[in-house]
Each structure stands twice: as structure tokens, then as C-alpha cells.
Amino acid sequence: MQKIKILGAGLSGLTAAINLAKSGYTVEVYEKNKDVGTRFNGDIQGLENWSDKRDIIEEISKMNVTIDFEHTPFHSIILTNSSKAKEIHRKKPLFYLLKRGPHSGTVDYSLKDQALKSGVNIHFQETLPQNEATIVATGPRANEAIGLVKGILFKTDIKDTAILAFNNKLAFKGYSYLLTMNGYGCLCTVVTQDEAHRINWYFERTKEFFLKKFSVQIQYIREVGGIGSFSMKNMKKGATLYVGEAAGLQDFLWGFGMRFAFASGYLAAQSIIYEKDYEKTAGKNFGKRLRAGVVNRWLMENILSKNEYWALINFPQLIENLYSMQNYNLLLQIMYLLTFSSLNKRYSKLKS
């Protein structure tokens, strides 16, 4: 049985490693940092639960991953355009909030522990050329970045809450958000790459808005941030399989990528175990969702962001139809043909 070499000890890499090790493979994981989750170090992130009728926690548990990490379900979210606000509530959780980083209770540490117990060898502060790896799971590609996040992590006494703001003065053609969970909060602004030079300006206005509008009290901890990359064709190069954000798997509108990370790591492992065509399987599982994301990004940039009041009034209906928005129905198929070329002029890496 072949030795598997995985480059990167993130969610997708460790999910693949766990499944392969449990199937009897010798698995070596190479992680350039000194521990898992070091680029997050306490961040709060959302694990979306609307793009599939199945609950994501149940789905992950079927991928041979034990759910022993903290995950707080959120059934409600407040939407605002800065002047007006509405609270949306659903019986099924809209998303789960997770902690990231090299700490007990985080999803990163949970997967690390499960991988080690499964017999995976993790080589920290070591790397290898991508063409020597069986699976590449190194996270977002800087040269394909389409989004940028800047924010702060803080302590707070505010109850668990999620607020999403659409306002071009807070995040041009993007959005800002406030998440609080179990005494911790994360306040961020998300903009497209062409607005990166103004990210500090947007964040200061985002912070001023949330602190004033929602009476947020914070005890500053540290800055957080990162990039998001998106691509339509990065699944395989030679014999090497690409998973997670290394494959460009991220929602083009919202930036959520954890669901893709788990699923792609699992599918890559299954393709090796059962000798299946990973590129074909991944295309079948992710292709429609990626194309739906392109359409939804176009709608955001060309309609919603130009009339923030319209977006606020109509977003409740969109929230109720998030599943159809993500799953590429006939209307989205037609719109994709009409919108792709327009977006590809602005985001030249879509076909990379």
C-alpha cells in the first residue's frame, strides 16, 4: 500500500489524512508552521449550513471525523444596511460558529488529535515540493486572492449574536460582520482584492458603526485577518490532488470555505482508497455550487450593493431560499452564461 504525503495540516489535509490512515495507509503530513491553526490563533469562523439540505455537522460525522470540537449553532442573524435592521430566524441552524487555532476546543486541534490517534505522522516546520505530494492542502493561494478580511478579536459580555452589514462605506461590494460567542467576539470587514489598499479605512468605519449602533463593549485582544482565493479549475496537477482553498474551493459571494474543505479532503481520500477519478468526482460535487457563487457575486456587485435598502428589504426572502441560490437551478444556469465573462474581466483567475 502506497505511502501518502499530504502538504498542509488544515481542515482538508487532516480530514484526508484521518480517512486514509483509518483505511490502512501510511500517511505523512507536512506542515510548515509549528502547530495546526497558527494563522488563526483564536479566530471565530462560520461553518455554513444552508448550501445543502443535510446538516453540516451530521455530514462531517459521516466523513469519519469525530465531532468533539466546540460548535455553536446559530438560528438567527441580524441583517442591516446601517440605517435599518431586520432579524432573520430559521428552525434549522443557518450556520455554526467554530473557534480556530492551536488551542484546546478548536476544530484544528480536534482534527490534529484525531489524526495522531489514527496513526498519522505530522512533520511540523517541514515542507516538500508540491509535485512530490499526493495531496496539496496548503490553504488560499496568494496569487489568486479575490477577497481580503481585516478585523479584531476581543472579549465581550454581549450575548451570542451574529450581525451582517451591507453598506459600501463599510465594505465596498463586500460586507461587514460582528460575531460573538461564549464571551468572545470577532468584528471584521470583507472587501474584494481591488479595494485592499483601503481596507484599513473600511475597517475603522466598520468598527465605529458596530460600536455605536449596537452598543458593543470590547476588551481588545488582537487583530485578525486573511485572504480568500477562488478558482474554477485547480483540482489536479499531474498526479497531485488539490483540496480546500488550495483548489480554490470557496464560496465566491460569502467567502465561506470550511464546508468545501472537509468535503474535498474526504473525497480526495476516497478517490485514493477506491481508485476513483478525484477530478471528476470533485467537479460533480462542487462545480454547480462554484458556478452558483459566480452568479450570486455578480448579483451582489451589480444589484444589491447599488441599493442597500432594497437588499435589506428583500434579503429575508433570499435567506429563505439560500439552498436554491447555492444549487444552480435553471435560472442560475442561464444567468451564469450571461455573467461569467463580465466577472472574469474583473477576476482574471476564475479560469486558472
Foldseek 3Di string as FASTA:
>chain_A
DDAAEEEALAQLRLLLLLLQLLVPHAYEYEAQAQAPQAQQAWDKDKAFQQQDPDGLVVVLVVSVADPPADKAFAQWAWEEQLPDIDIFGDPHGRTIIATTHDDPRGPSVSSVVSSVVSPHHYHYSDGDDQVVGLEYEHAADPVQFFKKKKWFKWFFPDAFHKYKYFYCQLENLAIWMWGDDPRMIITMYMYTPVCVVCRVSNSVVSVVSCCPVVVTDTDTDGMHMDTAGAAQAQQDDDSYGYFWNSSRQAQLHHRDTSSRSSVLSSLSSVCVSVVHDSRVVCCVVRVQQNLLSQLVSCCSNPPCNVPVVVCNVCVSVVSVVVNVSRRRDPVSVVSSVVRVVVVCVVSVRHHD
